[in-house]
C-alpha atoms as a PDB file:
ATOM      1  CA  GLN A   1     -13.382  -6.645  12.066  1.00  0.00           C
ATOM      2  CA  VAL A   2     -11.750  -3.795  10.204  1.00  0.00           C
ATOM      3  CA  GLN A   3     -12.492  -3.306   6.520  1.00  0.00           C
ATOM      4  CA  LEU A   4      -9.838  -1.937   4.206  1.00  0.00           C
ATOM      5  CA  VAL A   5     -10.706  -0.462   0.824  1.00  0.00           C
ATOM      6  CA  GLU A   6      -8.059   0.423  -1.737  1.00  0.00           C
ATOM      7  CA  SER A   7      -8.536   2.878  -4.563  1.00  0.00           C
ATOM      8  CA  GLY A   8      -6.499   4.818  -7.075  1.00  0.00           C
ATOM      9  CA  GLY A   9      -5.193   2.091  -9.322  1.00  0.00           C
ATOM     10  CA  GLY A  10      -5.263   2.335 -13.080  1.00  0.00           C
ATOM     11  CA  LEU A  11      -3.309   2.334 -16.306  1.00  0.00           C
ATOM     12  CA  VAL A  12      -0.307   4.622 -16.640  1.00  0.00           C
ATOM     13  CA  GLN A  13       2.641   4.910 -18.987  1.00  0.00           C
ATOM     14  CA  THR A  14       6.216   4.233 -17.978  1.00  0.00           C
ATOM     15  CA  GLY A  15       7.537   7.144 -15.970  1.00  0.00           C
ATOM     16  CA  GLY A  16       4.095   8.194 -14.828  1.00  0.00           C
ATOM     17  CA  SER A  17       2.628   8.483 -11.357  1.00  0.00           C
ATOM     18  CA  LEU A  18      -0.298   7.139  -9.395  1.00  0.00           C
ATOM     19  CA  ARG A  19      -1.522   7.645  -5.857  1.00  0.00           C
ATOM     20  CA  LEU A  20      -3.158   4.754  -4.069  1.00  0.00           C
ATOM     21  CA  SER A  21      -5.396   5.155  -1.051  1.00  0.00           C
ATOM     22  CA  CYS A  22      -6.428   2.678   1.614  1.00  0.00           C
ATOM     23  CA  ALA A  23      -9.375   3.649   3.770  1.00  0.00           C
ATOM     24  CA  ALA A  24     -10.090   1.754   6.978  1.00  0.00           C
ATOM     25  CA  SER A  25     -13.527   1.467   8.502  1.00  0.00           C
ATOM     26  CA  GLY A  26     -14.328   1.678  12.175  1.00  0.00           C
ATOM     27  CA  ARG A  27     -14.515   4.407  14.773  1.00  0.00           C
ATOM     28  CA  THR A  28     -11.375   3.380  16.565  1.00  0.00           C
ATOM     29  CA  PHE A  29      -8.543   2.442  14.279  1.00  0.00           C
ATOM     30  CA  SER A  30      -5.154   2.246  15.890  1.00  0.00           C
ATOM     31  CA  PRO A  31      -3.044  -0.550  14.430  1.00  0.00           C
ATOM     32  CA  TYR A  32       0.608  -0.946  15.112  1.00  0.00           C
ATOM     33  CA  ALA A  33       1.353  -0.542  11.404  1.00  0.00           C
ATOM     34  CA  MET A  34      -0.121  -0.592   7.929  1.00  0.00           C
ATOM     35  CA  GLY A  35       1.469  -1.853   4.776  1.00  0.00           C
ATOM     36  CA  TRP A  36       1.276  -2.081   1.016  1.00  0.00           C
ATOM     37  CA  PHE A  37       1.941  -5.320  -0.785  1.00  0.00           C
ATOM     38  CA  ARG A  38       1.673  -6.269  -4.424  1.00  0.00           C
ATOM     39  CA  GLN A  39       1.304  -9.413  -6.446  1.00  0.00           C
ATOM     40  CA  ALA A  40       1.979  -9.790 -10.141  1.00  0.00           C
ATOM     41  CA  PRO A  41       0.656 -12.735 -12.174  1.00  0.00           C
ATOM     42  CA  GLY A  42       2.714 -15.837 -11.538  1.00  0.00           C
ATOM     43  CA  LYS A  43       4.735 -14.194  -8.796  1.00  0.00           C
ATOM     44  CA  GLU A  44       4.682 -14.288  -5.033  1.00  0.00           C
ATOM     45  CA  ARG A  45       3.247 -11.464  -3.010  1.00  0.00           C
ATOM     46  CA  GLU A  46       5.870  -8.782  -2.400  1.00  0.00           C
ATOM     47  CA  PHE A  47       6.212  -6.265   0.413  1.00  0.00           C
ATOM     48  CA  VAL A  48       6.186  -2.744  -0.996  1.00  0.00           C
ATOM     49  CA  SER A  49       6.078  -0.384   1.942  1.00  0.00           C
ATOM     50  CA  GLY A  50       4.979  -0.037   5.548  1.00  0.00           C
ATOM     51  CA  ILE A  51       4.321   2.671   8.072  1.00  0.00           C
ATOM     52  CA  THR A  52       3.872   2.593  11.825  1.00  0.00           C
ATOM     53  CA  TRP A  53       0.594   4.227  12.667  1.00  0.00           C
ATOM     54  CA  SER A  54       1.429   6.173  15.789  1.00  0.00           C
ATOM     55  CA  ASP A  55       4.786   7.699  14.863  1.00  0.00           C
ATOM     56  CA  GLY A  56       4.930   7.367  11.090  1.00  0.00           C
ATOM     57  CA  ASN A  57       8.137   5.399  10.704  1.00  0.00           C
ATOM     58  CA  THR A  58       8.363   4.190   7.115  1.00  0.00           C
ATOM     59  CA  TYR A  59       9.838   1.139   5.416  1.00  0.00           C
ATOM     60  CA  TYR A  60      10.296   0.301   1.747  1.00  0.00           C
ATOM     61  CA  GLY A  61      11.097  -2.683  -0.377  1.00  0.00           C
ATOM     62  CA  ASP A  62      14.337  -2.343  -2.308  1.00  0.00           C
ATOM     63  CA  SER A  63      12.574  -2.263  -5.650  1.00  0.00           C
ATOM     64  CA  VAL A  64      10.598   0.891  -4.832  1.00  0.00           C
ATOM     65  CA  LYS A  65      12.987   2.912  -2.681  1.00  0.00           C
ATOM     66  CA  GLY A  66      13.353   6.426  -3.962  1.00  0.00           C
ATOM     67  CA  ARG A  67      10.267   6.166  -6.182  1.00  0.00           C
ATOM     68  CA  PHE A  68       7.378   5.407  -3.824  1.00  0.00           C
ATOM     69  CA  THR A  69       6.324   7.335  -0.738  1.00  0.00           C
ATOM     70  CA  ILE A  70       3.998   6.019   1.936  1.00  0.00           C
ATOM     71  CA  SER A  71       2.019   8.288   4.214  1.00  0.00           C
ATOM     72  CA  ARG A  72      -1.038   8.247   6.426  1.00  0.00           C
ATOM     73  CA  ASP A  73      -3.740  10.553   7.698  1.00  0.00           C
ATOM     74  CA  ASN A  74      -4.709   9.314  11.139  1.00  0.00           C
ATOM     75  CA  SER A  75      -7.742  11.608  11.295  1.00  0.00           C
ATOM     76  CA  LYS A  76      -9.154   9.936   8.184  1.00  0.00           C
ATOM     77  CA  ASN A  77      -7.983   6.390   8.951  1.00  0.00           C
ATOM     78  CA  THR A  78      -6.402   6.450   5.516  1.00  0.00           C
ATOM     79  CA  MET A  79      -3.043   5.416   4.167  1.00  0.00           C
ATOM     80  CA  TYR A  80      -1.540   6.479   0.860  1.00  0.00           C
ATOM     81  CA  LEU A  81       1.096   5.305  -1.544  1.00  0.00           C
ATOM     82  CA  GLN A  82       2.484   7.868  -3.939  1.00  0.00           C
ATOM     83  CA  MET A  83       4.120   6.030  -6.815  1.00  0.00           C
ATOM     84  CA  ASN A  84       6.414   7.966  -9.128  1.00  0.00           C
ATOM     85  CA  SER A  85       8.675   6.948 -11.988  1.00  0.00           C
ATOM     86  CA  LEU A  86       6.577   3.874 -12.552  1.00  0.00           C
ATOM     87  CA  LYS A  87       8.028   0.966 -14.493  1.00  0.00           C
ATOM     88  CA  PRO A  88       6.358  -1.940 -16.280  1.00  0.00           C
ATOM     89  CA  GLU A  89       7.655  -4.231 -13.535  1.00  0.00           C
ATOM     90  CA  ASP A  90       5.499  -2.311 -11.048  1.00  0.00           C
ATOM     91  CA  THR A  91       2.435  -3.810 -12.736  1.00  0.00           C
ATOM     92  CA  ALA A  92       0.535  -5.807 -10.123  1.00  0.00           C
ATOM     93  CA  VAL A  93      -2.480  -5.896  -7.885  1.00  0.00           C
ATOM     94  CA  TYR A  94      -1.718  -3.718  -4.887  1.00  0.00           C
ATOM     95  CA  TYR A  95      -3.125  -4.608  -1.494  1.00  0.00           C
ATOM     96  CA  CYS A  96      -3.160  -2.739   1.772  1.00  0.00           C
ATOM     97  CA  ALA A  97      -2.987  -4.611   5.032  1.00  0.00           C
ATOM     98  CA  ARG A  98      -3.135  -4.018   8.745  1.00  0.00           C
ATOM     99  CA  GLN A  99      -0.678  -5.214  11.340  1.00  0.00           C
ATOM    100  CA  ALA A 100      -2.715  -5.047  14.506  1.00  0.00           C
ATOM    101  CA  THR A 101       0.146  -5.332  16.978  1.00  0.00           C
ATOM    102  CA  LYS A 102       3.912  -5.498  16.800  1.00  0.00           C
ATOM    103  CA  THR A 103       3.965  -9.199  17.540  1.00  0.00           C
ATOM    104  CA  VAL A 104       1.570 -10.424  14.852  1.00  0.00           C
ATOM    105  CA  ASN A 105       1.637 -10.573  11.094  1.00  0.00           C
ATOM    106  CA  PHE A 106      -0.510  -8.482   8.801  1.00  0.00           C
ATOM    107  CA  ASP A 107      -3.965  -9.898   9.466  1.00  0.00           C
ATOM    108  CA  SER A 108      -6.540  -7.821   7.591  1.00  0.00           C
ATOM    109  CA  TRP A 109      -6.376  -7.225   3.857  1.00  0.00           C
ATOM    110  CA  GLY A 110      -8.158  -5.110   1.299  1.00  0.00           C
ATOM    111  CA  GLN A 111      -9.540  -6.415  -1.954  1.00  0.00           C
ATOM    112  CA  GLY A 112      -6.727  -4.970  -4.024  1.00  0.00           C
ATOM    113  CA  THR A 113      -6.440  -2.433  -6.802  1.00  0.00           C
ATOM    114  CA  GLN A 114      -4.872  -3.077 -10.187  1.00  0.00           C
ATOM    115  CA  VAL A 115      -1.918  -1.002 -11.308  1.00  0.00           C
ATOM    116  CA  THR A 116      -0.790  -1.448 -14.896  1.00  0.00           C
ATOM    117  CA  VAL A 117       2.252   0.337 -16.296  1.00  0.00           C
ATOM    118  CA  SER A 118       2.552   0.259 -20.059  1.00  0.00           C
ATOM    119  CA  SER A 119       5.903   0.367 -21.803  1.00  0.00           C
END
């Protein structure tokens, strides 16, 4: 079973930036895709961004397009989320997740990292 560990969260002012990392354990790590999700208090979990592992195709939720950039380093089994122009509404716990194959949902999740954007 793969283990995913997020890091990089914290407190930042409106307009600031943060870079999240998601490190996957295991010698062989070759999912179909990886993704970032977030959940704010009292709200449903929201898709933020995704990336296909082999060819790096990227996808973004409408609320973060143009501000967030997803990337991955296959050699390090690590995915990143560069978040710029942060807004208070970006405040949430951010989770990374693995989509093992194209035909299944995201099935492995990290423990989450808190991002708080102050106004």
